[in-house]
Structure formats: structure tokens, C-alpha cells
Amino acid sequence: MDTLTRLESTIAQRRSAEGESSYVASLKARGLPVMARKLGEEGVETVIAALSGTREELVGESADLLFHLLVLLAEKGVPFSEVLAELERREGTSGLAEKAARGA
């Protein structure tokens, strides 16, 4: 089991915990808009770290971004395996060609 799969499992377990005892449960209690906003904040912080932060800051913000993505996917009932399957489907396809196909 890889790190992201273990993290997805941990998030699933903590979603039902008491809000004060689990950050994941507290996010769930606050609702989808808060989860989505937190993912957006982490995305922006990752961009800032990439542009003007240290390597360590970029690594940390990237980890936060992935964590919050997994929390949001769990809330929407989307297993991470579906995201991986979509990436696998796109593998070997030019990014430009893939974007053009979505626009058609």
C-alpha cells in the first residue's frame, strides 16, 4: 500500500471522529465549501512557494495540497483510484491533444 492510499484510508477513518479530536472531522463538520476553499488556499500557497519559496516550503505546501485534495475527494465520494485511472487513461497522450479533445 503506498503513502497516498494509506492517507486516503486514514482520512476515511477520521471523517467520523469527533470534530475536536480530528482535523479531518472538523473539516467535514464545516462542510464542502470550507473543504473546497481550503484546497484552493493550499493551491495558491503551493504556487507562491514554487515562485518565491524554498524547496522545503514547496515540498510542505505540495503535501498540504495533496492532503486537502484527498479530503475533498472523500467528501464527494470519489476514490483516489478513479483519479489515478484517469491519469493512466491519459498516459501517452500529448497534453495538447488531450486538451483539444476536451474542447471538442
PDB file of N, CA and C in Angstrom:
ATOM      1  N   MET A   1       0.857  -1.179   0.000  1.00  0.00           N
ATOM      2  CA  MET A   1       0.000   0.000   0.000  1.00  0.00           C
ATOM      3  C   MET A   1       0.898   1.235   0.000  1.00  0.00           C
ATOM      4  N   ASP A   2       0.653   2.158  -0.904  1.00  0.00           N
ATOM      5  CA  ASP A   2       1.501   3.345  -0.965  1.00  0.00           C
ATOM      6  C   ASP A   2       1.002   4.439  -0.012  1.00  0.00           C
ATOM      7  N   THR A   3       1.787   5.474   0.115  1.00  0.00           N
ATOM      8  CA  THR A   3       1.510   6.539   1.075  1.00  0.00           C
ATOM      9  C   THR A   3       0.153   7.187   0.838  1.00  0.00           C
ATOM     10  N   LEU A   4      -0.179   7.510  -0.405  1.00  0.00           N
ATOM     11  CA  LEU A   4      -1.454   8.183  -0.673  1.00  0.00           C
ATOM     12  C   LEU A   4      -2.639   7.261  -0.398  1.00  0.00           C
ATOM     13  N   THR A   5      -2.486   5.983  -0.661  1.00  0.00           N
ATOM     14  CA  THR A   5      -3.557   5.027  -0.366  1.00  0.00           C
ATOM     15  C   THR A   5      -3.755   4.915   1.143  1.00  0.00           C
ATOM     16  N   ARG A   6      -2.657   4.865   1.892  1.00  0.00           N
ATOM     17  CA  ARG A   6      -2.763   4.829   3.361  1.00  0.00           C
ATOM     18  C   ARG A   6      -3.396   6.113   3.883  1.00  0.00           C
ATOM     19  N   LEU A   7      -3.002   7.237   3.316  1.00  0.00           N
ATOM     20  CA  LEU A   7      -3.580   8.512   3.742  1.00  0.00           C
ATOM     21  C   LEU A   7      -5.074   8.554   3.438  1.00  0.00           C
ATOM     22  N   GLU A   8      -5.469   8.071   2.271  1.00  0.00           N
ATOM     23  CA  GLU A   8      -6.888   8.026   1.921  1.00  0.00           C
ATOM     24  C   GLU A   8      -7.656   7.184   2.950  1.00  0.00           C
ATOM     25  N   SER A   9      -7.090   6.074   3.361  1.00  0.00           N
ATOM     26  CA  SER A   9      -7.715   5.211   4.354  1.00  0.00           C
ATOM     27  C   SER A   9      -7.821   5.912   5.713  1.00  0.00           C
ATOM     28  N   THR A  10      -6.775   6.599   6.106  1.00  0.00           N
ATOM     29  CA  THR A  10      -6.786   7.336   7.368  1.00  0.00           C
ATOM     30  C   THR A  10      -7.844   8.427   7.343  1.00  0.00           C
ATOM     31  N   ILE A  11      -7.940   9.142   6.233  1.00  0.00           N
ATOM     32  CA  ILE A  11      -8.947  10.196   6.095  1.00  0.00           C
ATOM     33  C   ILE A  11     -10.346   9.596   6.222  1.00  0.00           C
ATOM     34  N   ALA A  12     -10.591   8.456   5.581  1.00  0.00           N
ATOM     35  CA  ALA A  12     -11.894   7.791   5.664  1.00  0.00           C
ATOM     36  C   ALA A  12     -12.241   7.454   7.113  1.00  0.00           C
ATOM     37  N   GLN A  13     -11.260   6.981   7.865  1.00  0.00           N
ATOM     38  CA  GLN A  13     -11.496   6.628   9.269  1.00  0.00           C
ATOM     39  C   GLN A  13     -11.775   7.858  10.116  1.00  0.00           C
ATOM     40  N   ARG A  14     -11.090   8.924   9.846  1.00  0.00           N
ATOM     41  CA  ARG A  14     -11.198  10.119  10.696  1.00  0.00           C
ATOM     42  C   ARG A  14     -12.405  10.988  10.369  1.00  0.00           C
ATOM     43  N   ARG A  15     -13.037  10.746   9.239  1.00  0.00           N
ATOM     44  CA  ARG A  15     -14.212  11.532   8.874  1.00  0.00           C
ATOM     45  C   ARG A  15     -15.340  11.379   9.898  1.00  0.00           C
ATOM     46  N   SER A  16     -15.378  10.249  10.594  1.00  0.00           N
ATOM     47  CA  SER A  16     -16.451  10.010  11.570  1.00  0.00           C
ATOM     48  C   SER A  16     -16.022  10.294  13.009  1.00  0.00           C
ATOM     49  N   ALA A  17     -14.823  10.787  13.204  1.00  0.00           N
ATOM     50  CA  ALA A  17     -14.345  11.106  14.553  1.00  0.00           C
ATOM     51  C   ALA A  17     -15.018  12.380  15.059  1.00  0.00           C
ATOM     52  N   GLU A  18     -14.847  12.639  16.333  1.00  0.00           N
ATOM     53  CA  GLU A  18     -15.340  13.892  16.911  1.00  0.00           C
ATOM     54  C   GLU A  18     -14.535  15.052  16.337  1.00  0.00           C
ATOM     55  N   GLY A  19     -15.197  16.148  16.023  1.00  0.00           N
ATOM     56  CA  GLY A  19     -14.567  17.299  15.393  1.00  0.00           C
ATOM     57  C   GLY A  19     -13.362  17.847  16.125  1.00  0.00           C
ATOM     58  N   GLU A  20     -13.411  17.823  17.456  1.00  0.00           N
ATOM     59  CA  GLU A  20     -12.309  18.378  18.237  1.00  0.00           C
ATOM     60  C   GLU A  20     -11.099  17.448  18.265  1.00  0.00           C
ATOM     61  N   SER A  21     -11.308  16.171  17.951  1.00  0.00           N
ATOM     62  CA  SER A  21     -10.207  15.219  18.042  1.00  0.00           C
ATOM     63  C   SER A  21      -9.531  14.957  16.704  1.00  0.00           C
ATOM     64  N   SER A  22     -10.110  15.466  15.611  1.00  0.00           N
ATOM     65  CA  SER A  22      -9.578  15.179  14.287  1.00  0.00           C
ATOM     66  C   SER A  22      -9.747  16.379  13.370  1.00  0.00           C
ATOM     67  N   TYR A  23      -8.672  16.770  12.737  1.00  0.00           N
ATOM     68  CA  TYR A  23      -8.736  17.864  11.762  1.00  0.00           C
ATOM     69  C   TYR A  23      -9.655  17.499  10.604  1.00  0.00           C
ATOM     70  N   VAL A  24      -9.583  16.249  10.152  1.00  0.00           N
ATOM     71  CA  VAL A  24     -10.444  15.800   9.049  1.00  0.00           C
ATOM     72  C   VAL A  24     -11.908  15.907   9.456  1.00  0.00           C
ATOM     73  N   ALA A  25     -12.243  15.431  10.653  1.00  0.00           N
ATOM     74  CA  ALA A  25     -13.624  15.505  11.123  1.00  0.00           C
ATOM     75  C   ALA A  25     -14.083  16.957  11.261  1.00  0.00           C
ATOM     76  N   SER A  26     -13.186  17.831  11.688  1.00  0.00           N
ATOM     77  CA  SER A  26     -13.566  19.241  11.811  1.00  0.00           C
ATOM     78  C   SER A  26     -13.831  19.858  10.440  1.00  0.00           C
ATOM     79  N   LEU A  27     -13.059  19.469   9.442  1.00  0.00           N
ATOM     80  CA  LEU A  27     -13.330  19.942   8.079  1.00  0.00           C
ATOM     81  C   LEU A  27     -14.674  19.420   7.589  1.00  0.00           C
ATOM     82  N   LYS A  28     -14.943  18.144   7.829  1.00  0.00           N
ATOM     83  CA  LYS A  28     -16.212  17.552   7.415  1.00  0.00           C
ATOM     84  C   LYS A  28     -17.381  18.287   8.072  1.00  0.00           C
ATOM     85  N   ALA A  29     -17.254  18.573   9.358  1.00  0.00           N
ATOM     86  CA  ALA A  29     -18.321  19.262  10.082  1.00  0.00           C
ATOM     87  C   ALA A  29     -18.574  20.661   9.521  1.00  0.00           C
ATOM     88  N   ARG A  30     -17.541  21.281   8.983  1.00  0.00           N
ATOM     89  CA  ARG A  30     -17.670  22.644   8.439  1.00  0.00           C
ATOM     90  C   ARG A  30     -18.219  22.644   7.024  1.00  0.00           C
ATOM     91  N   GLY A  31     -18.183  21.496   6.337  1.00  0.00           N
ATOM     92  CA  GLY A  31     -18.869  21.362   5.062  1.00  0.00           C
ATOM     93  C   GLY A  31     -17.992  21.500   3.825  1.00  0.00           C
ATOM     94  N   LEU A  32     -18.598  21.114   2.713  1.00  0.00           N
ATOM     95  CA  LEU A  32     -17.913  21.097   1.424  1.00  0.00           C
ATOM     96  C   LEU A  32     -17.340  22.455   1.014  1.00  0.00           C
ATOM     97  N   PRO A  33     -18.069  23.562   1.170  1.00  0.00           N
ATOM     98  CA  PRO A  33     -17.469  24.845   0.769  1.00  0.00           C
ATOM     99  C   PRO A  33     -16.167  25.162   1.487  1.00  0.00           C
ATOM    100  N   VAL A  34     -16.083  24.813   2.767  1.00  0.00           N
ATOM    101  CA  VAL A  34     -14.846  25.053   3.523  1.00  0.00           C
ATOM    102  C   VAL A  34     -13.738  24.144   3.003  1.00  0.00           C
ATOM    103  N   MET A  35     -14.077  22.886   2.729  1.00  0.00           N
ATOM    104  CA  MET A  35     -13.069  21.961   2.190  1.00  0.00           C
ATOM    105  C   MET A  35     -12.546  22.447   0.846  1.00  0.00           C
ATOM    106  N   ALA A  36     -13.456  22.896  -0.007  1.00  0.00           N
ATOM    107  CA  ALA A  36     -13.049  23.380  -1.332  1.00  0.00           C
ATOM    108  C   ALA A  36     -12.199  24.642  -1.213  1.00  0.00           C
ATOM    109  N   ARG A  37     -12.605  25.529  -0.337  1.00  0.00           N
ATOM    110  CA  ARG A  37     -11.837  26.767  -0.131  1.00  0.00           C
ATOM    111  C   ARG A  37     -10.443  26.448   0.405  1.00  0.00           C
ATOM    112  N   LYS A  38     -10.358  25.485   1.334  1.00  0.00           N
ATOM    113  CA  LYS A  38      -9.059  25.106   1.897  1.00  0.00           C
ATOM    114  C   LYS A  38      -8.157  24.520   0.812  1.00  0.00           C
ATOM    115  N   LEU A  39      -8.718  23.703  -0.075  1.00  0.00           N
ATOM    116  CA  LEU A  39      -7.929  23.165  -1.190  1.00  0.00           C
ATOM    117  C   LEU A  39      -7.416  24.304  -2.067  1.00  0.00           C
ATOM    118  N   GLY A  40      -8.270  25.274  -2.344  1.00  0.00           N
ATOM    119  CA  GLY A  40      -7.849  26.430  -3.138  1.00  0.00           C
ATOM    120  C   GLY A  40      -6.738  27.216  -2.464  1.00  0.00           C
ATOM    121  N   GLU A  41      -6.863  27.423  -1.161  1.00  0.00           N
ATOM    122  CA  GLU A  41      -5.816  28.131  -0.411  1.00  0.00           C
ATOM    123  C   GLU A  41      -4.489  27.385  -0.506  1.00  0.00           C
ATOM    124  N   GLU A  42      -4.551  26.069  -0.349  1.00  0.00           N
ATOM    125  CA  GLU A  42      -3.319  25.285  -0.425  1.00  0.00           C
ATOM    126  C   GLU A  42      -2.732  25.338  -1.833  1.00  0.00           C
ATOM    127  N   GLY A  43      -3.587  25.370  -2.842  1.00  0.00           N
ATOM    128  CA  GLY A  43      -3.103  25.503  -4.216  1.00  0.00           C
ATOM    129  C   GLY A  43      -2.356  26.808  -4.415  1.00  0.00           C
ATOM    130  N   VAL A  44      -2.935  27.891  -3.911  1.00  0.00           N
ATOM    131  CA  VAL A  44      -2.287  29.199  -4.019  1.00  0.00           C
ATOM    132  C   VAL A  44      -0.969  29.204  -3.249  1.00  0.00           C
ATOM    133  N   GLU A  45      -0.972  28.639  -2.046  1.00  0.00           N
ATOM    134  CA  GLU A  45       0.257  28.589  -1.251  1.00  0.00           C
ATOM    135  C   GLU A  45       1.336  27.755  -1.952  1.00  0.00           C
ATOM    136  N   THR A  46       0.922  26.724  -2.667  1.00  0.00           N
ATOM    137  CA  THR A  46       1.882  25.914  -3.421  1.00  0.00           C
ATOM    138  C   THR A  46       2.483  26.724  -4.557  1.00  0.00           C
ATOM    139  N   VAL A  47       1.655  27.489  -5.241  1.00  0.00           N
ATOM    140  CA  VAL A  47       2.148  28.348  -6.322  1.00  0.00           C
ATOM    141  C   VAL A  47       3.126  29.381  -5.772  1.00  0.00           C
ATOM    142  N   ILE A  48       2.781  30.003  -4.662  1.00  0.00           N
ATOM    143  CA  ILE A  48       3.659  31.010  -4.052  1.00  0.00           C
ATOM    144  C   ILE A  48       4.997  30.383  -3.663  1.00  0.00           C
ATOM    145  N   ALA A  49       4.929  29.187  -3.064  1.00  0.00           N
ATOM    146  CA  ALA A  49       6.170  28.507  -2.682  1.00  0.00           C
ATOM    147  C   ALA A  49       7.010  28.175  -3.908  1.00  0.00           C
ATOM    148  N   ALA A  50       6.345  27.802  -4.999  1.00  0.00           N
ATOM    149  CA  ALA A  50       7.089  27.479  -6.233  1.00  0.00           C
ATOM    150  C   ALA A  50       7.776  28.715  -6.800  1.00  0.00           C
ATOM    151  N   LEU A  51       7.115  29.856  -6.694  1.00  0.00           N
ATOM    152  CA  LEU A  51       7.658  31.079  -7.286  1.00  0.00           C
ATOM    153  C   LEU A  51       8.680  31.788  -6.407  1.00  0.00           C
ATOM    154  N   SER A  52       8.481  31.732  -5.087  1.00  0.00           N
ATOM    155  CA  SER A  52       9.375  32.538  -4.254  1.00  0.00           C
ATOM    156  C   SER A  52       9.804  31.862  -2.955  1.00  0.00           C
ATOM    157  N   GLY A  53       9.411  30.628  -2.750  1.00  0.00           N
ATOM    158  CA  GLY A  53       9.763  29.945  -1.509  1.00  0.00           C
ATOM    159  C   GLY A  53      10.981  29.051  -1.673  1.00  0.00           C
ATOM    160  N   THR A  54      11.288  28.413  -0.591  1.00  0.00           N
ATOM    161  CA  THR A  54      12.391  27.453  -0.602  1.00  0.00           C
ATOM    162  C   THR A  54      11.887  26.100  -1.110  1.00  0.00           C
ATOM    163  N   ARG A  55      12.804  25.230  -1.367  1.00  0.00           N
ATOM    164  CA  ARG A  55      12.464  23.861  -1.766  1.00  0.00           C
ATOM    165  C   ARG A  55      11.617  23.198  -0.678  1.00  0.00           C
ATOM    166  N   GLU A  56      12.006  23.385   0.581  1.00  0.00           N
ATOM    167  CA  GLU A  56      11.288  22.792   1.704  1.00  0.00           C
ATOM    168  C   GLU A  56       9.864  23.329   1.788  1.00  0.00           C
ATOM    169  N   GLU A  57       9.691  24.623   1.547  1.00  0.00           N
ATOM    170  CA  GLU A  57       8.344  25.203   1.558  1.00  0.00           C
ATOM    171  C   GLU A  57       7.490  24.610   0.443  1.00  0.00           C
ATOM    172  N   LEU A  58       8.071  24.436  -0.728  1.00  0.00           N
ATOM    173  CA  LEU A  58       7.333  23.840  -1.844  1.00  0.00           C
ATOM    174  C   LEU A  58       6.933  22.403  -1.526  1.00  0.00           C
ATOM    175  N   VAL A  59       7.835  21.644  -0.935  1.00  0.00           N
ATOM    176  CA  VAL A  59       7.517  20.263  -0.559  1.00  0.00           C
ATOM    177  C   VAL A  59       6.386  20.247   0.470  1.00  0.00           C
ATOM    178  N   GLY A  60       6.480  21.076   1.476  1.00  0.00           N
ATOM    179  CA  GLY A  60       5.446  21.131   2.513  1.00  0.00           C
ATOM    180  C   GLY A  60       4.090  21.545   1.977  1.00  0.00           C
ATOM    181  N   GLU A  61       4.065  22.574   1.149  1.00  0.00           N
ATOM    182  CA  GLU A  61       2.803  23.034   0.580  1.00  0.00           C
ATOM    183  C   GLU A  61       2.221  22.010  -0.385  1.00  0.00           C
ATOM    184  N   SER A  62       3.083  21.310  -1.100  1.00  0.00           N
ATOM    185  CA  SER A  62       2.604  20.259  -2.005  1.00  0.00           C
ATOM    186  C   SER A  62       1.950  19.133  -1.210  1.00  0.00           C
ATOM    187  N   ALA A  63       2.535  18.782  -0.080  1.00  0.00           N
ATOM    188  CA  ALA A  63       1.947  17.753   0.783  1.00  0.00           C
ATOM    189  C   ALA A  63       0.585  18.218   1.306  1.00  0.00           C
ATOM    190  N   ASP A  64       0.501  19.476   1.718  1.00  0.00           N
ATOM    191  CA  ASP A  64      -0.779  20.025   2.189  1.00  0.00           C
ATOM    192  C   ASP A  64      -1.828  19.991   1.077  1.00  0.00           C
ATOM    193  N   LEU A  65      -1.399  20.331  -0.126  1.00  0.00           N
ATOM    194  CA  LEU A  65      -2.316  20.332  -1.272  1.00  0.00           C
ATOM    195  C   LEU A  65      -2.865  18.935  -1.537  1.00  0.00           C
ATOM    196  N   LEU A  66      -1.990  17.936  -1.555  1.00  0.00           N
ATOM    197  CA  LEU A  66      -2.441  16.567  -1.788  1.00  0.00           C
ATOM    198  C   LEU A  66      -3.369  16.088  -0.667  1.00  0.00           C
ATOM    199  N   PHE A  67      -3.033  16.416   0.561  1.00  0.00           N
ATOM    200  CA  PHE A  67      -3.879  16.039   1.691  1.00  0.00           C
ATOM    201  C   PHE A  67      -5.281  16.621   1.527  1.00  0.00           C
ATOM    202  N   HIS A  68      -5.363  17.899   1.261  1.00  0.00           N
ATOM    203  CA  HIS A  68      -6.676  18.540   1.153  1.00  0.00           C
ATOM    204  C   HIS A  68      -7.443  18.067  -0.082  1.00  0.00           C
ATOM    205  N   LEU A  69      -6.741  17.700  -1.139  1.00  0.00           N
ATOM    206  CA  LEU A  69      -7.405  17.103  -2.292  1.00  0.00           C
ATOM    207  C   LEU A  69      -8.048  15.780  -1.890  1.00  0.00           C
ATOM    208  N   LEU A  70      -7.330  14.946  -1.153  1.00  0.00           N
ATOM    209  CA  LEU A  70      -7.883  13.670  -0.713  1.00  0.00           C
ATOM    210  C   LEU A  70      -9.078  13.865   0.216  1.00  0.00           C
ATOM    211  N   VAL A  71      -9.041  14.870   1.066  1.00  0.00           N
ATOM    212  CA  VAL A  71     -10.179  15.163   1.947  1.00  0.00           C
ATOM    213  C   VAL A  71     -11.398  15.543   1.099  1.00  0.00           C
ATOM    214  N   LEU A  72     -11.200  16.388   0.111  1.00  0.00           N
ATOM    215  CA  LEU A  72     -12.307  16.815  -0.754  1.00  0.00           C
ATOM    216  C   LEU A  72     -12.853  15.650  -1.578  1.00  0.00           C
ATOM    217  N   LEU A  73     -11.980  14.833  -2.126  1.00  0.00           N
ATOM    218  CA  LEU A  73     -12.428  13.667  -2.887  1.00  0.00           C
ATOM    219  C   LEU A  73     -13.256  12.739  -1.996  1.00  0.00           C
ATOM    220  N   ALA A  74     -12.820  12.532  -0.758  1.00  0.00           N
ATOM    221  CA  ALA A  74     -13.571  11.681   0.171  1.00  0.00           C
ATOM    222  C   ALA A  74     -14.962  12.252   0.424  1.00  0.00           C
ATOM    223  N   GLU A  75     -15.036  13.537   0.597  1.00  0.00           N
ATOM    224  CA  GLU A  75     -16.332  14.184   0.840  1.00  0.00           C
ATOM    225  C   GLU A  75     -17.280  13.987  -0.341  1.00  0.00           C
ATOM    226  N   LYS A  76     -16.728  13.984  -1.537  1.00  0.00           N
ATOM    227  CA  LYS A  76     -17.548  13.817  -2.738  1.00  0.00           C
ATOM    228  C   LYS A  76     -17.736  12.348  -3.128  1.00  0.00           C
ATOM    229  N   GLY A  77     -17.154  11.435  -2.352  1.00  0.00           N
ATOM    230  CA  GLY A  77     -17.307  10.014  -2.626  1.00  0.00           C
ATOM    231  C   GLY A  77     -16.534   9.540  -3.840  1.00  0.00           C
ATOM    232  N   VAL A  78     -15.440  10.234  -4.150  1.00  0.00           N
ATOM    233  CA  VAL A  78     -14.605   9.870  -5.298  1.00  0.00           C
ATOM    234  C   VAL A  78     -13.336   9.209  -4.787  1.00  0.00           C
ATOM    235  N   PRO A  79     -13.169   7.912  -5.041  1.00  0.00           N
ATOM    236  CA  PRO A  79     -11.927   7.262  -4.605  1.00  0.00           C
ATOM    237  C   PRO A  79     -10.727   7.764  -5.410  1.00  0.00           C
ATOM    238  N   PHE A  80      -9.604   7.857  -4.742  1.00  0.00           N
ATOM    239  CA  PHE A  80      -8.380   8.318  -5.402  1.00  0.00           C
ATOM    240  C   PHE A  80      -8.026   7.423  -6.580  1.00  0.00           C
ATOM    241  N   SER A  81      -8.433   6.162  -6.505  1.00  0.00           N
ATOM    242  CA  SER A  81      -8.162   5.230  -7.608  1.00  0.00           C
ATOM    243  C   SER A  81      -8.800   5.699  -8.912  1.00  0.00           C
ATOM    244  N   GLU A  82      -9.912   6.416  -8.832  1.00  0.00           N
ATOM    245  CA  GLU A  82     -10.535   6.953 -10.053  1.00  0.00           C
ATOM    246  C   GLU A  82      -9.672   8.055 -10.670  1.00  0.00           C
ATOM    247  N   VAL A  83      -9.065   8.852  -9.823  1.00  0.00           N
ATOM    248  CA  VAL A  83      -8.164   9.901 -10.313  1.00  0.00           C
ATOM    249  C   VAL A  83      -6.944   9.251 -10.968  1.00  0.00           C
ATOM    250  N   LEU A  84      -6.413   8.234 -10.318  1.00  0.00           N
ATOM    251  CA  LEU A  84      -5.263   7.523 -10.891  1.00  0.00           C
ATOM    252  C   LEU A  84      -5.636   6.862 -12.214  1.00  0.00           C
ATOM    253  N   ALA A  85      -6.836   6.294 -12.291  1.00  0.00           N
ATOM    254  CA  ALA A  85      -7.284   5.659 -13.544  1.00  0.00           C
ATOM    255  C   ALA A  85      -7.390   6.695 -14.662  1.00  0.00           C
ATOM    256  N   GLU A  86      -7.833   7.888 -14.328  1.00  0.00           N
ATOM    257  CA  GLU A  86      -7.914   8.947 -15.348  1.00  0.00           C
ATOM    258  C   GLU A  86      -6.524   9.353 -15.815  1.00  0.00           C
ATOM    259  N   LEU A  87      -5.580   9.438 -14.885  1.00  0.00           N
ATOM    260  CA  LEU A  87      -4.201   9.740 -15.273  1.00  0.00           C
ATOM    261  C   LEU A  87      -3.631   8.640 -16.156  1.00  0.00           C
ATOM    262  N   GLU A  88      -3.920   7.396 -15.812  1.00  0.00           N
ATOM    263  CA  GLU A  88      -3.455   6.274 -16.634  1.00  0.00           C
ATOM    264  C   GLU A  88      -4.077   6.325 -18.025  1.00  0.00           C
ATOM    265  N   ARG A  89      -5.359   6.694 -18.090  1.00  0.00           N
ATOM    266  CA  ARG A  89      -6.033   6.796 -19.386  1.00  0.00           C
ATOM    267  C   ARG A  89      -5.348   7.832 -20.268  1.00  0.00           C
ATOM    268  N   ARG A  90      -4.896   8.904 -19.650  1.00  0.00           N
ATOM    269  CA  ARG A  90      -4.264   9.991 -20.393  1.00  0.00           C
ATOM    270  C   ARG A  90      -2.799   9.714 -20.726  1.00  0.00           C
ATOM    271  N   GLU A  91      -2.203   8.747 -20.047  1.00  0.00           N
ATOM    272  CA  GLU A  91      -0.780   8.463 -20.240  1.00  0.00           C
ATOM    273  C   GLU A  91      -0.493   8.148 -21.702  1.00  0.00           C
ATOM    274  N   GLY A  92       0.559   8.746 -22.205  1.00  0.00           N
ATOM    275  CA  GLY A  92       0.948   8.515 -23.593  1.00  0.00           C
ATOM    276  C   GLY A  92       0.247   9.422 -24.577  1.00  0.00           C
ATOM    277  N   THR A  93      -0.677  10.245 -24.086  1.00  0.00           N
ATOM    278  CA  THR A  93      -1.378  11.200 -24.937  1.00  0.00           C
ATOM    279  C   THR A  93      -0.739  12.568 -24.738  1.00  0.00           C
ATOM    280  N   SER A  94      -0.499  13.246 -25.821  1.00  0.00           N
ATOM    281  CA  SER A  94       0.040  14.595 -25.726  1.00  0.00           C
ATOM    282  C   SER A  94      -0.916  15.462 -24.914  1.00  0.00           C
ATOM    283  N   GLY A  95      -0.377  16.250 -23.998  1.00  0.00           N
ATOM    284  CA  GLY A  95      -1.200  17.163 -23.227  1.00  0.00           C
ATOM    285  C   GLY A  95      -1.976  18.110 -24.117  1.00  0.00           C
ATOM    286  N   LEU A  96      -1.369  18.548 -25.201  1.00  0.00           N
ATOM    287  CA  LEU A  96      -2.057  19.444 -26.134  1.00  0.00           C
ATOM    288  C   LEU A  96      -3.212  18.721 -26.822  1.00  0.00           C
ATOM    289  N   ALA A  97      -2.981  17.482 -27.220  1.00  0.00           N
ATOM    290  CA  ALA A  97      -4.032  16.708 -27.885  1.00  0.00           C
ATOM    291  C   ALA A  97      -5.160  16.402 -26.897  1.00  0.00           C
ATOM    292  N   GLU A  98      -4.822  16.092 -25.662  1.00  0.00           N
ATOM    293  CA  GLU A  98      -5.833  15.773 -24.667  1.00  0.00           C
ATOM    294  C   GLU A  98      -6.700  16.982 -24.385  1.00  0.00           C
ATOM    295  N   LYS A  99      -6.090  18.162 -24.260  1.00  0.00           N
ATOM    296  CA  LYS A  99      -6.860  19.389 -24.030  1.00  0.00           C
ATOM    297  C   LYS A  99      -7.749  19.706 -25.225  1.00  0.00           C
ATOM    298  N   ALA A 100      -7.246  19.511 -26.433  1.00  0.00           N
ATOM    299  CA  ALA A 100      -8.030  19.777 -27.629  1.00  0.00           C
ATOM    300  C   ALA A 100      -9.238  18.837 -27.691  1.00  0.00           C
ATOM    301  N   ALA A 101      -9.061  17.594 -27.282  1.00  0.00           N
ATOM    302  CA  ALA A 101     -10.167  16.630 -27.306  1.00  0.00           C
ATOM    303  C   ALA A 101     -11.254  17.016 -26.311  1.00  0.00           C
ATOM    304  N   ARG A 102     -10.874  17.593 -25.175  1.00  0.00           N
ATOM    305  CA  ARG A 102     -11.867  18.028 -24.185  1.00  0.00           C
ATOM    306  C   ARG A 102     -12.675  19.201 -24.713  1.00  0.00           C
ATOM    307  N   GLY A 103     -12.034  20.045 -25.531  1.00  0.00           N
ATOM    308  CA  GLY A 103     -12.743  21.220 -26.057  1.00  0.00           C
ATOM    309  C   GLY A 103     -13.701  20.891 -27.171  1.00  0.00           C
ATOM    310  N   ALA A 104     -13.554  19.708 -27.767  1.00  0.00           N
ATOM    311  CA  ALA A 104     -14.421  19.327 -28.907  1.00  0.00           C
ATOM    312  C   ALA A 104     -15.791  18.900 -28.466  1.00  0.00           C
TER     313      ALA A 104
END
